[in-house]
Amino acid sequence: MRASFGPDPETAKILAETERHAEEKKLEGYKATLKHRDNENERKHIRLLKKIGNESKRAWVVLIASIITAIGGIFLSITGRSNLGIPLLVFAGILIKDLSGKPSSSVDSE
């Protein structure tokens, strides 16, 4: 008499195939999750690049405007119209301060 432990070979084969199928489905789900994360990270990266580009353009505009304003203020101050030149120089300073991206008031709002 032969003692047998566990399922017969045909049942064991079916159980193994079922387990393999379940593991394949888990793997497919994990791959889909990774692909979704990768797509989301790519979209975030593109948005960040656009934001950096827009901030850079804004900084150049402010820098050029402040230089022109400062030159105008210096010219007016030299030609004797300091009542117009000094406010332009102050405004140029405010524009340059704006390049830092911080509010003009030094009060912390956070």
PDB file of N, CA and C in Angstrom:
ATOM      1  N   MET A   1       0.827  -1.173   0.000  1.00  0.00           N
ATOM      2  CA  MET A   1       0.000   0.000   0.000  1.00  0.00           C
ATOM      3  C   MET A   1       0.877   1.243   0.000  1.00  0.00           C
ATOM      4  N   ARG A   2       0.511   2.164  -0.827  1.00  0.00           N
ATOM      5  CA  ARG A   2       1.300   3.371  -1.001  1.00  0.00           C
ATOM      6  C   ARG A   2       0.583   4.530  -0.319  1.00  0.00           C
ATOM      7  N   ALA A   3       1.342   5.318   0.482  1.00  0.00           N
ATOM      8  CA  ALA A   3       0.758   6.471   1.172  1.00  0.00           C
ATOM      9  C   ALA A   3       0.993   7.707   0.329  1.00  0.00           C
ATOM     10  N   SER A   4      -0.047   8.460   0.075  1.00  0.00           N
ATOM     11  CA  SER A   4       0.052   9.642  -0.772  1.00  0.00           C
ATOM     12  C   SER A   4      -0.264  10.877   0.058  1.00  0.00           C
ATOM     13  N   PHE A   5       0.588  11.856  -0.062  1.00  0.00           N
ATOM     14  CA  PHE A   5       0.379  13.126   0.634  1.00  0.00           C
ATOM     15  C   PHE A   5       0.159  14.223  -0.400  1.00  0.00           C
ATOM     16  N   GLY A   6      -0.776  15.109  -0.143  1.00  0.00           N
ATOM     17  CA  GLY A   6      -1.039  16.221  -1.049  1.00  0.00           C
ATOM     18  C   GLY A   6      -1.993  15.822  -2.156  1.00  0.00           C
ATOM     19  N   PRO A   7      -2.247  16.784  -3.030  1.00  0.00           N
ATOM     20  CA  PRO A   7      -3.202  16.522  -4.111  1.00  0.00           C
ATOM     21  C   PRO A   7      -2.581  15.631  -5.188  1.00  0.00           C
ATOM     22  N   ASP A   8      -3.441  15.067  -5.984  1.00  0.00           N
ATOM     23  CA  ASP A   8      -2.953  14.239  -7.083  1.00  0.00           C
ATOM     24  C   ASP A   8      -2.281  15.137  -8.119  1.00  0.00           C
ATOM     25  N   PRO A   9      -1.486  14.595  -9.035  1.00  0.00           N
ATOM     26  CA  PRO A   9      -0.719  15.410  -9.976  1.00  0.00           C
ATOM     27  C   PRO A   9      -1.574  16.354 -10.831  1.00  0.00           C
ATOM     28  N   GLU A  10      -2.734  15.918 -11.266  1.00  0.00           N
ATOM     29  CA  GLU A  10      -3.586  16.780 -12.099  1.00  0.00           C
ATOM     30  C   GLU A  10      -4.081  17.983 -11.302  1.00  0.00           C
ATOM     31  N   THR A  11      -4.499  17.779 -10.061  1.00  0.00           N
ATOM     32  CA  THR A  11      -4.964  18.877  -9.203  1.00  0.00           C
ATOM     33  C   THR A  11      -3.803  19.824  -8.891  1.00  0.00           C
ATOM     34  N   ALA A  12      -2.633  19.282  -8.641  1.00  0.00           N
ATOM     35  CA  ALA A  12      -1.464  20.114  -8.352  1.00  0.00           C
ATOM     36  C   ALA A  12      -1.135  20.988  -9.551  1.00  0.00           C
ATOM     37  N   LYS A  13      -1.265  20.438 -10.765  1.00  0.00           N
ATOM     38  CA  LYS A  13      -0.995  21.205 -11.974  1.00  0.00           C
ATOM     39  C   LYS A  13      -1.987  22.364 -12.106  1.00  0.00           C
ATOM     40  N   ILE A  14      -3.259  22.118 -11.840  1.00  0.00           N
ATOM     41  CA  ILE A  14      -4.292  23.160 -11.920  1.00  0.00           C
ATOM     42  C   ILE A  14      -4.034  24.238 -10.872  1.00  0.00           C
ATOM     43  N   LEU A  15      -3.669  23.824  -9.651  1.00  0.00           N
ATOM     44  CA  LEU A  15      -3.369  24.790  -8.589  1.00  0.00           C
ATOM     45  C   LEU A  15      -2.171  25.668  -8.968  1.00  0.00           C
ATOM     46  N   ALA A  16      -1.144  25.058  -9.538  1.00  0.00           N
ATOM     47  CA  ALA A  16       0.044  25.817  -9.939  1.00  0.00           C
ATOM     48  C   ALA A  16      -0.295  26.815 -11.045  1.00  0.00           C
ATOM     49  N   GLU A  17      -1.107  26.395 -12.020  1.00  0.00           N
ATOM     50  CA  GLU A  17      -1.502  27.307 -13.091  1.00  0.00           C
ATOM     51  C   GLU A  17      -2.337  28.465 -12.566  1.00  0.00           C
ATOM     52  N   THR A  18      -3.218  28.169 -11.613  1.00  0.00           N
ATOM     53  CA  THR A  18      -4.046  29.216 -11.007  1.00  0.00           C
ATOM     54  C   THR A  18      -3.174  30.223 -10.267  1.00  0.00           C
ATOM     55  N   GLU A  19      -2.208  29.730  -9.528  1.00  0.00           N
ATOM     56  CA  GLU A  19      -1.314  30.615  -8.779  1.00  0.00           C
ATOM     57  C   GLU A  19      -0.454  31.442  -9.741  1.00  0.00           C
ATOM     58  N   ARG A  20       0.041  30.828 -10.800  1.00  0.00           N
ATOM     59  CA  ARG A  20       0.844  31.532 -11.793  1.00  0.00           C
ATOM     60  C   ARG A  20       0.018  32.636 -12.463  1.00  0.00           C
ATOM     61  N   HIS A  21      -1.247  32.309 -12.780  1.00  0.00           N
ATOM     62  CA  HIS A  21      -2.126  33.299 -13.400  1.00  0.00           C
ATOM     63  C   HIS A  21      -2.349  34.485 -12.456  1.00  0.00           C
ATOM     64  N   ALA A  22      -2.567  34.202 -11.169  1.00  0.00           N
ATOM     65  CA  ALA A  22      -2.781  35.281 -10.191  1.00  0.00           C
ATOM     66  C   ALA A  22      -1.534  36.149 -10.072  1.00  0.00           C
ATOM     67  N   GLU A  23      -0.361  35.537 -10.078  1.00  0.00           N
ATOM     68  CA  GLU A  23       0.881  36.309  -9.983  1.00  0.00           C
ATOM     69  C   GLU A  23       1.108  37.152 -11.237  1.00  0.00           C
ATOM     70  N   GLU A  24       0.748  36.609 -12.400  1.00  0.00           N
ATOM     71  CA  GLU A  24       0.872  37.391 -13.634  1.00  0.00           C
ATOM     72  C   GLU A  24      -0.037  38.614 -13.605  1.00  0.00           C
ATOM     73  N   LYS A  25      -1.247  38.444 -13.075  1.00  0.00           N
ATOM     74  CA  LYS A  25      -2.186  39.578 -12.993  1.00  0.00           C
ATOM     75  C   LYS A  25      -1.666  40.629 -12.019  1.00  0.00           C
ATOM     76  N   LYS A  26      -1.067  40.198 -10.917  1.00  0.00           N
ATOM     77  CA  LYS A  26      -0.472  41.148  -9.974  1.00  0.00           C
ATOM     78  C   LYS A  26       0.647  41.926 -10.654  1.00  0.00           C
ATOM     79  N   LEU A  27       1.469  41.214 -11.419  1.00  0.00           N
ATOM     80  CA  LEU A  27       2.575  41.862 -12.125  1.00  0.00           C
ATOM     81  C   LEU A  27       2.059  42.859 -13.152  1.00  0.00           C
ATOM     82  N   GLU A  28       1.023  42.502 -13.894  1.00  0.00           N
ATOM     83  CA  GLU A  28       0.436  43.427 -14.863  1.00  0.00           C
ATOM     84  C   GLU A  28      -0.109  44.672 -14.175  1.00  0.00           C
ATOM     85  N   GLY A  29      -0.750  44.476 -13.028  1.00  0.00           N
ATOM     86  CA  GLY A  29      -1.263  45.621 -12.268  1.00  0.00           C
ATOM     87  C   GLY A  29      -0.141  46.518 -11.780  1.00  0.00           C
ATOM     88  N   TYR A  30       0.942  45.913 -11.317  1.00  0.00           N
ATOM     89  CA  TYR A  30       2.084  46.687 -10.840  1.00  0.00           C
ATOM     90  C   TYR A  30       2.723  47.463 -11.992  1.00  0.00           C
ATOM     91  N   LYS A  31       2.846  46.828 -13.160  1.00  0.00           N
ATOM     92  CA  LYS A  31       3.400  47.514 -14.330  1.00  0.00           C
ATOM     93  C   LYS A  31       2.524  48.700 -14.734  1.00  0.00           C
ATOM     94  N   ALA A  32       1.202  48.510 -14.681  1.00  0.00           N
ATOM     95  CA  ALA A  32       0.285  49.604 -15.026  1.00  0.00           C
ATOM     96  C   ALA A  32       0.425  50.753 -14.037  1.00  0.00           C
ATOM     97  N   THR A  33       0.589  50.431 -12.748  1.00  0.00           N
ATOM     98  CA  THR A  33       0.779  51.459 -11.730  1.00  0.00           C
ATOM     99  C   THR A  33       2.069  52.237 -11.986  1.00  0.00           C
ATOM    100  N   LEU A  34       3.137  51.524 -12.305  1.00  0.00           N
ATOM    101  CA  LEU A  34       4.409  52.187 -12.593  1.00  0.00           C
ATOM    102  C   LEU A  34       4.304  53.076 -13.830  1.00  0.00           C
ATOM    103  N   LYS A  35       3.607  52.605 -14.854  1.00  0.00           N
ATOM    104  CA  LYS A  35       3.453  53.405 -16.074  1.00  0.00           C
ATOM    105  C   LYS A  35       2.655  54.671 -15.774  1.00  0.00           C
ATOM    106  N   HIS A  36       1.606  54.546 -14.958  1.00  0.00           N
ATOM    107  CA  HIS A  36       0.799  55.713 -14.583  1.00  0.00           C
ATOM    108  C   HIS A  36       1.658  56.722 -13.814  1.00  0.00           C
ATOM    109  N   ARG A  37       2.458  56.233 -12.866  1.00  0.00           N
ATOM    110  CA  ARG A  37       3.336  57.123 -12.100  1.00  0.00           C
ATOM    111  C   ARG A  37       4.335  57.811 -13.024  1.00  0.00           C
ATOM    112  N   ASP A  38       4.889  57.055 -13.952  1.00  0.00           N
ATOM    113  CA  ASP A  38       5.861  57.624 -14.875  1.00  0.00           C
ATOM    114  C   ASP A  38       5.222  58.723 -15.725  1.00  0.00           C
ATOM    115  N   ASN A  39       4.013  58.487 -16.223  1.00  0.00           N
ATOM    116  CA  ASN A  39       3.303  59.506 -17.015  1.00  0.00           C
ATOM    117  C   ASN A  39       3.011  60.740 -16.174  1.00  0.00           C
ATOM    118  N   GLU A  40       2.592  60.532 -14.939  1.00  0.00           N
ATOM    119  CA  GLU A  40       2.287  61.659 -14.046  1.00  0.00           C
ATOM    120  C   GLU A  40       3.552  62.466 -13.755  1.00  0.00           C
ATOM    121  N   ASN A  41       4.657  61.789 -13.510  1.00  0.00           N
ATOM    122  CA  ASN A  41       5.915  62.492 -13.262  1.00  0.00           C
ATOM    123  C   ASN A  41       6.369  63.266 -14.497  1.00  0.00           C
ATOM    124  N   GLU A  42       6.145  62.727 -15.668  1.00  0.00           N
ATOM    125  CA  GLU A  42       6.498  63.422 -16.906  1.00  0.00           C
ATOM    126  C   GLU A  42       5.664  64.700 -17.054  1.00  0.00           C
ATOM    127  N   ARG A  43       4.362  64.614 -16.750  1.00  0.00           N
ATOM    128  CA  ARG A  43       3.506  65.806 -16.823  1.00  0.00           C
ATOM    129  C   ARG A  43       3.951  66.856 -15.809  1.00  0.00           C
ATOM    130  N   LYS A  44       4.298  66.427 -14.601  1.00  0.00           N
ATOM    131  CA  LYS A  44       4.775  67.375 -13.591  1.00  0.00           C
ATOM    132  C   LYS A  44       6.062  68.042 -14.047  1.00  0.00           C
ATOM    133  N   HIS A  45       6.952  67.274 -14.659  1.00  0.00           N
ATOM    134  CA  HIS A  45       8.220  67.815 -15.134  1.00  0.00           C
ATOM    135  C   HIS A  45       7.985  68.872 -16.206  1.00  0.00           C
ATOM    136  N   ILE A  46       7.086  68.605 -17.129  1.00  0.00           N
ATOM    137  CA  ILE A  46       6.781  69.562 -18.198  1.00  0.00           C
ATOM    138  C   ILE A  46       6.189  70.845 -17.616  1.00  0.00           C
ATOM    139  N   ARG A  47       5.271  70.697 -16.642  1.00  0.00           N
ATOM    140  CA  ARG A  47       4.688  71.881 -15.998  1.00  0.00           C
ATOM    141  C   ARG A  47       5.763  72.701 -15.291  1.00  0.00           C
ATOM    142  N   LEU A  48       6.695  72.021 -14.625  1.00  0.00           N
ATOM    143  CA  LEU A  48       7.765  72.719 -13.924  1.00  0.00           C
ATOM    144  C   LEU A  48       8.660  73.473 -14.897  1.00  0.00           C
ATOM    145  N   LEU A  49       8.991  72.847 -16.020  1.00  0.00           N
ATOM    146  CA  LEU A  49       9.817  73.529 -17.023  1.00  0.00           C
ATOM    147  C   LEU A  49       9.116  74.770 -17.563  1.00  0.00           C
ATOM    148  N   LYS A  50       7.810  74.675 -17.810  1.00  0.00           N
ATOM    149  CA  LYS A  50       7.059  75.843 -18.294  1.00  0.00           C
ATOM    150  C   LYS A  50       7.059  76.950 -17.250  1.00  0.00           C
ATOM    151  N   LYS A  51       6.885  76.567 -15.985  1.00  0.00           N
ATOM    152  CA  LYS A  51       6.863  77.561 -14.906  1.00  0.00           C
ATOM    153  C   LYS A  51       8.215  78.261 -14.799  1.00  0.00           C
ATOM    154  N   ILE A  52       9.295  77.487 -14.874  1.00  0.00           N
ATOM    155  CA  ILE A  52      10.625  78.078 -14.795  1.00  0.00           C
ATOM    156  C   ILE A  52      10.857  79.018 -15.975  1.00  0.00           C
ATOM    157  N   GLY A  53      10.418  78.611 -17.162  1.00  0.00           N
ATOM    158  CA  GLY A  53      10.572  79.461 -18.343  1.00  0.00           C
ATOM    159  C   GLY A  53       9.815  80.765 -18.198  1.00  0.00           C
ATOM    160  N   ASN A  54       8.584  80.698 -17.675  1.00  0.00           N
ATOM    161  CA  ASN A  54       7.788  81.914 -17.487  1.00  0.00           C
ATOM    162  C   ASN A  54       8.416  82.832 -16.452  1.00  0.00           C
ATOM    163  N   GLU A  55       8.942  82.258 -15.366  1.00  0.00           N
ATOM    164  CA  GLU A  55       9.587  83.076 -14.336  1.00  0.00           C
ATOM    165  C   GLU A  55      10.852  83.730 -14.880  1.00  0.00           C
ATOM    166  N   SER A  56      11.564  83.017 -15.720  1.00  0.00           N
ATOM    167  CA  SER A  56      12.787  83.571 -16.316  1.00  0.00           C
ATOM    168  C   SER A  56      12.463  84.754 -17.221  1.00  0.00           C
ATOM    169  N   LYS A  57      11.422  84.606 -18.047  1.00  0.00           N
ATOM    170  CA  LYS A  57      11.010  85.709 -18.929  1.00  0.00           C
ATOM    171  C   LYS A  57      10.602  86.926 -18.111  1.00  0.00           C
ATOM    172  N   ARG A  58       9.847  86.678 -17.046  1.00  0.00           N
ATOM    173  CA  ARG A  58       9.395  87.764 -16.175  1.00  0.00           C
ATOM    174  C   ARG A  58      10.591  88.470 -15.546  1.00  0.00           C
ATOM    175  N   ALA A  59      11.582  87.706 -15.107  1.00  0.00           N
ATOM    176  CA  ALA A  59      12.768  88.293 -14.480  1.00  0.00           C
ATOM    177  C   ALA A  59      13.519  89.177 -15.472  1.00  0.00           C
ATOM    178  N   TRP A  60      13.636  88.750 -16.719  1.00  0.00           N
ATOM    179  CA  TRP A  60      14.314  89.564 -17.718  1.00  0.00           C
ATOM    180  C   TRP A  60      13.564  90.873 -17.968  1.00  0.00           C
ATOM    181  N   VAL A  61      12.247  90.798 -18.052  1.00  0.00           N
ATOM    182  CA  VAL A  61      11.457  92.013 -18.277  1.00  0.00           C
ATOM    183  C   VAL A  61      11.635  92.990 -17.121  1.00  0.00           C
ATOM    184  N   VAL A  62      11.575  92.471 -15.897  1.00  0.00           N
ATOM    185  CA  VAL A  62      11.732  93.341 -14.731  1.00  0.00           C
ATOM    186  C   VAL A  62      13.138  93.924 -14.681  1.00  0.00           C
ATOM    187  N   LEU A  63      14.141  93.113 -14.999  1.00  0.00           N
ATOM    188  CA  LEU A  63      15.520  93.600 -14.980  1.00  0.00           C
ATOM    189  C   LEU A  63      15.726  94.718 -16.004  1.00  0.00           C
ATOM    190  N   ILE A  64      15.234  94.527 -17.213  1.00  0.00           N
ATOM    191  CA  ILE A  64      15.390  95.552 -18.250  1.00  0.00           C
ATOM    192  C   ILE A  64      14.635  96.822 -17.866  1.00  0.00           C
ATOM    193  N   ALA A  65      13.422  96.661 -17.341  1.00  0.00           N
ATOM    194  CA  ALA A  65      12.641  97.834 -16.925  1.00  0.00           C
ATOM    195  C   ALA A  65      13.334  98.585 -15.796  1.00  0.00           C
ATOM    196  N   SER A  66      13.927  97.858 -14.856  1.00  0.00           N
ATOM    197  CA  SER A  66      14.593  98.533 -13.742  1.00  0.00           C
ATOM    198  C   SER A  66      15.860  99.246 -14.208  1.00  0.00           C
ATOM    199  N   ILE A  67      16.590  98.661 -15.149  1.00  0.00           N
ATOM    200  CA  ILE A  67      17.795  99.321 -15.667  1.00  0.00           C
ATOM    201  C   ILE A  67      17.420 100.605 -16.403  1.00  0.00           C
ATOM    202  N   ILE A  68      16.388 100.527 -17.242  1.00  0.00           N
ATOM    203  CA  ILE A  68      15.939 101.727 -17.965  1.00  0.00           C
ATOM    204  C   ILE A  68      15.457 102.804 -16.993  1.00  0.00           C
ATOM    205  N   THR A  69      14.714 102.383 -15.971  1.00  0.00           N
ATOM    206  CA  THR A  69      14.218 103.334 -14.973  1.00  0.00           C
ATOM    207  C   THR A  69      15.373 103.971 -14.210  1.00  0.00           C
ATOM    208  N   ALA A  70      16.375 103.154 -13.836  1.00  0.00           N
ATOM    209  CA  ALA A  70      17.521 103.694 -13.103  1.00  0.00           C
ATOM    210  C   ALA A  70      18.305 104.681 -13.971  1.00  0.00           C
ATOM    211  N   ILE A  71      18.504 104.341 -15.231  1.00  0.00           N
ATOM    212  CA  ILE A  71      19.220 105.258 -16.132  1.00  0.00           C
ATOM    213  C   ILE A  71      18.449 106.566 -16.265  1.00  0.00           C
ATOM    214  N   GLY A  72      17.131 106.459 -16.419  1.00  0.00           N
ATOM    215  CA  GLY A  72      16.309 107.674 -16.488  1.00  0.00           C
ATOM    216  C   GLY A  72      16.391 108.490 -15.211  1.00  0.00           C
ATOM    217  N   GLY A  73      16.374 107.828 -14.067  1.00  0.00           N
ATOM    218  CA  GLY A  73      16.476 108.540 -12.788  1.00  0.00           C
ATOM    219  C   GLY A  73      17.814 109.221 -12.615  1.00  0.00           C
ATOM    220  N   ILE A  74      18.884 108.553 -13.023  1.00  0.00           N
ATOM    221  CA  ILE A  74      20.220 109.160 -12.932  1.00  0.00           C
ATOM    222  C   ILE A  74      20.313 110.363 -13.870  1.00  0.00           C
ATOM    223  N   PHE A  75      19.811 110.216 -15.069  1.00  0.00           N
ATOM    224  CA  PHE A  75      19.837 111.320 -16.040  1.00  0.00           C
ATOM    225  C   PHE A  75      19.072 112.525 -15.509  1.00  0.00           C
ATOM    226  N   LEU A  76      17.873 112.270 -14.983  1.00  0.00           N
ATOM    227  CA  LEU A  76      17.081 113.389 -14.451  1.00  0.00           C
ATOM    228  C   LEU A  76      17.753 114.029 -13.247  1.00  0.00           C
ATOM    229  N   SER A  77      18.394 113.232 -12.408  1.00  0.00           N
ATOM    230  CA  SER A  77      19.086 113.794 -11.236  1.00  0.00           C
ATOM    231  C   SER A  77      20.283 114.627 -11.658  1.00  0.00           C
ATOM    232  N   ILE A  78      21.018 114.172 -12.660  1.00  0.00           N
ATOM    233  CA  ILE A  78      22.194 114.906 -13.131  1.00  0.00           C
ATOM    234  C   ILE A  78      21.792 116.214 -13.799  1.00  0.00           C
ATOM    235  N   THR A  79      20.683 116.213 -14.525  1.00  0.00           N
ATOM    236  CA  THR A  79      20.264 117.425 -15.245  1.00  0.00           C
ATOM    237  C   THR A  79      19.522 118.410 -14.361  1.00  0.00           C
ATOM    238  N   GLY A  80      19.483 118.157 -13.074  1.00  0.00           N
ATOM    239  CA  GLY A  80      18.895 119.130 -12.162  1.00  0.00           C
ATOM    240  C   GLY A  80      17.430 118.894 -11.851  1.00  0.00           C
ATOM    241  N   ARG A  81      16.851 117.858 -12.342  1.00  0.00           N
ATOM    242  CA  ARG A  81      15.446 117.574 -12.027  1.00  0.00           C
ATOM    243  C   ARG A  81      15.355 116.392 -11.049  1.00  0.00           C
ATOM    244  N   SER A  82      15.991 116.587  -9.891  1.00  0.00           N
ATOM    245  CA  SER A  82      16.052 115.506  -8.909  1.00  0.00           C
ATOM    246  C   SER A  82      14.681 115.202  -8.302  1.00  0.00           C
ATOM    247  N   ASN A  83      13.751 116.153  -8.382  1.00  0.00           N
ATOM    248  CA  ASN A  83      12.407 115.862  -7.874  1.00  0.00           C
ATOM    249  C   ASN A  83      11.735 114.757  -8.701  1.00  0.00           C
ATOM    250  N   LEU A  84      12.171 114.552  -9.942  1.00  0.00           N
ATOM    251  CA  LEU A  84      11.688 113.438 -10.761  1.00  0.00           C
ATOM    252  C   LEU A  84      12.671 112.264 -10.751  1.00  0.00           C
ATOM    253  N   GLY A  85      13.958 112.559 -10.667  1.00  0.00           N
ATOM    254  CA  GLY A  85      14.986 111.530 -10.757  1.00  0.00           C
ATOM    255  C   GLY A  85      15.040 110.615  -9.548  1.00  0.00           C
ATOM    256  N   ILE A  86      14.930 111.185  -8.366  1.00  0.00           N
ATOM    257  CA  ILE A  86      15.023 110.371  -7.145  1.00  0.00           C
ATOM    258  C   ILE A  86      13.863 109.373  -7.055  1.00  0.00           C
ATOM    259  N   PRO A  87      12.614 109.795  -7.310  1.00  0.00           N
ATOM    260  CA  PRO A  87      11.539 108.784  -7.285  1.00  0.00           C
ATOM    261  C   PRO A  87      11.751 107.667  -8.313  1.00  0.00           C
ATOM    262  N   LEU A  88      12.306 107.988  -9.477  1.00  0.00           N
ATOM    263  CA  LEU A  88      12.589 106.947 -10.460  1.00  0.00           C
ATOM    264  C   LEU A  88      13.654 105.980  -9.952  1.00  0.00           C
ATOM    265  N   LEU A  89      14.667 106.507  -9.283  1.00  0.00           N
ATOM    266  CA  LEU A  89      15.697 105.634  -8.713  1.00  0.00           C
ATOM    267  C   LEU A  89      15.119 104.729  -7.628  1.00  0.00           C
ATOM    268  N   VAL A  90      14.227 105.282  -6.810  1.00  0.00           N
ATOM    269  CA  VAL A  90      13.574 104.471  -5.773  1.00  0.00           C
ATOM    270  C   VAL A  90      12.720 103.387  -6.433  1.00  0.00           C
ATOM    271  N   PHE A  91      11.999 103.748  -7.474  1.00  0.00           N
ATOM    272  CA  PHE A  91      11.172 102.775  -8.185  1.00  0.00           C
ATOM    273  C   PHE A  91      12.032 101.691  -8.820  1.00  0.00           C
ATOM    274  N   ALA A  92      13.195 102.079  -9.360  1.00  0.00           N
ATOM    275  CA  ALA A  92      14.112 101.083  -9.930  1.00  0.00           C
ATOM    276  C   ALA A  92      14.577 100.118  -8.847  1.00  0.00           C
ATOM    277  N   GLY A  93      14.838 100.631  -7.659  1.00  0.00           N
ATOM    278  CA  GLY A  93      15.225  99.760  -6.542  1.00  0.00           C
ATOM    279  C   GLY A  93      14.123  98.785  -6.172  1.00  0.00           C
ATOM    280  N   ILE A  94      12.892  99.274  -6.206  1.00  0.00           N
ATOM    281  CA  ILE A  94      11.748  98.398  -5.906  1.00  0.00           C
ATOM    282  C   ILE A  94      11.625  97.309  -6.968  1.00  0.00           C
ATOM    283  N   LEU A  95      11.820  97.663  -8.230  1.00  0.00           N
ATOM    284  CA  LEU A  95      11.759  96.666  -9.298  1.00  0.00           C
ATOM    285  C   LEU A  95      12.848  95.608  -9.132  1.00  0.00           C
ATOM    286  N   ILE A  96      14.056  96.052  -8.795  1.00  0.00           N
ATOM    287  CA  ILE A  96      15.149  95.092  -8.591  1.00  0.00           C
ATOM    288  C   ILE A  96      14.851  94.207  -7.384  1.00  0.00           C
ATOM    289  N   LYS A  97      14.291  94.775  -6.340  1.00  0.00           N
ATOM    290  CA  LYS A  97      13.902  93.982  -5.168  1.00  0.00           C
ATOM    291  C   LYS A  97      12.865  92.936  -5.569  1.00  0.00           C
ATOM    292  N   ASP A  98      12.005  93.300  -6.516  1.00  0.00           N
ATOM    293  CA  ASP A  98      10.971  92.380  -6.978  1.00  0.00           C
ATOM    294  C   ASP A  98      11.567  91.153  -7.669  1.00  0.00           C
ATOM    295  N   LEU A  99      12.768  91.260  -8.184  1.00  0.00           N
ATOM    296  CA  LEU A  99      13.409  90.116  -8.832  1.00  0.00           C
ATOM    297  C   LEU A  99      13.631  88.961  -7.863  1.00  0.00           C
ATOM    298  N   SER A 100      13.766  89.279  -6.581  1.00  0.00           N
ATOM    299  CA  SER A 100      13.984  88.212  -5.599  1.00  0.00           C
ATOM    300  C   SER A 100      12.737  87.360  -5.411  1.00  0.00           C
ATOM    301  N   GLY A 101      11.584  87.866  -5.853  1.00  0.00           N
ATOM    302  CA  GLY A 101      10.347  87.105  -5.741  1.00  0.00           C
ATOM    303  C   GLY A 101       9.689  87.227  -4.388  1.00  0.00           C
ATOM    304  N   LYS A 102      10.265  88.013  -3.514  1.00  0.00           N
ATOM    305  CA  LYS A 102       9.701  88.204  -2.186  1.00  0.00           C
ATOM    306  C   LYS A 102       8.858  89.475  -2.184  1.00  0.00           C
ATOM    307  N   PRO A 103       7.833  89.536  -1.340  1.00  0.00           N
ATOM    308  CA  PRO A 103       7.025  90.757  -1.277  1.00  0.00           C
ATOM    309  C   PRO A 103       7.847  91.929  -0.756  1.00  0.00           C
ATOM    310  N   SER A 104       7.451  93.140  -1.131  1.00  0.00           N
ATOM    311  CA  SER A 104       8.185  94.328  -0.717  1.00  0.00           C
ATOM    312  C   SER A 104       8.222  94.497   0.787  1.00  0.00           C
ATOM    313  N   SER A 105       7.111  94.155   1.469  1.00  0.00           N
ATOM    314  CA  SER A 105       7.104  94.244   2.909  1.00  0.00           C
ATOM    315  C   SER A 105       7.831  93.037   3.477  1.00  0.00           C
ATOM    316  N   SER A 106       8.599  93.266   4.522  1.00  0.00           N
ATOM    317  CA  SER A 106       9.402  92.178   5.084  1.00  0.00           C
ATOM    318  C   SER A 106       8.661  91.409   6.163  1.00  0.00           C
ATOM    319  N   VAL A 107       7.368  91.619   6.285  1.00  0.00           N
ATOM    320  CA  VAL A 107       6.567  90.899   7.276  1.00  0.00           C
ATOM    321  C   VAL A 107       6.313  89.487   6.783  1.00  0.00           C
ATOM    322  N   ASP A 108       6.598  88.521   7.623  1.00  0.00           N
ATOM    323  CA  ASP A 108       6.356  87.120   7.256  1.00  0.00           C
ATOM    324  C   ASP A 108       4.876  86.807   7.372  1.00  0.00           C
ATOM    325  N   SER A 109       4.284  86.400   6.275  1.00  0.00           N
ATOM    326  CA  SER A 109       2.860  86.063   6.284  1.00  0.00           C
ATOM    327  C   SER A 109       2.633  84.586   6.487  1.00  0.00           C
ATOM    328  N   GLU A 110       3.691  83.808   6.574  1.00  0.00           N
ATOM    329  CA  GLU A 110       3.533  82.366   6.725  1.00  0.00           C
ATOM    330  C   GLU A 110       3.547  81.962   8.163  1.00  0.00           C
TER     331      GLU A 110
END
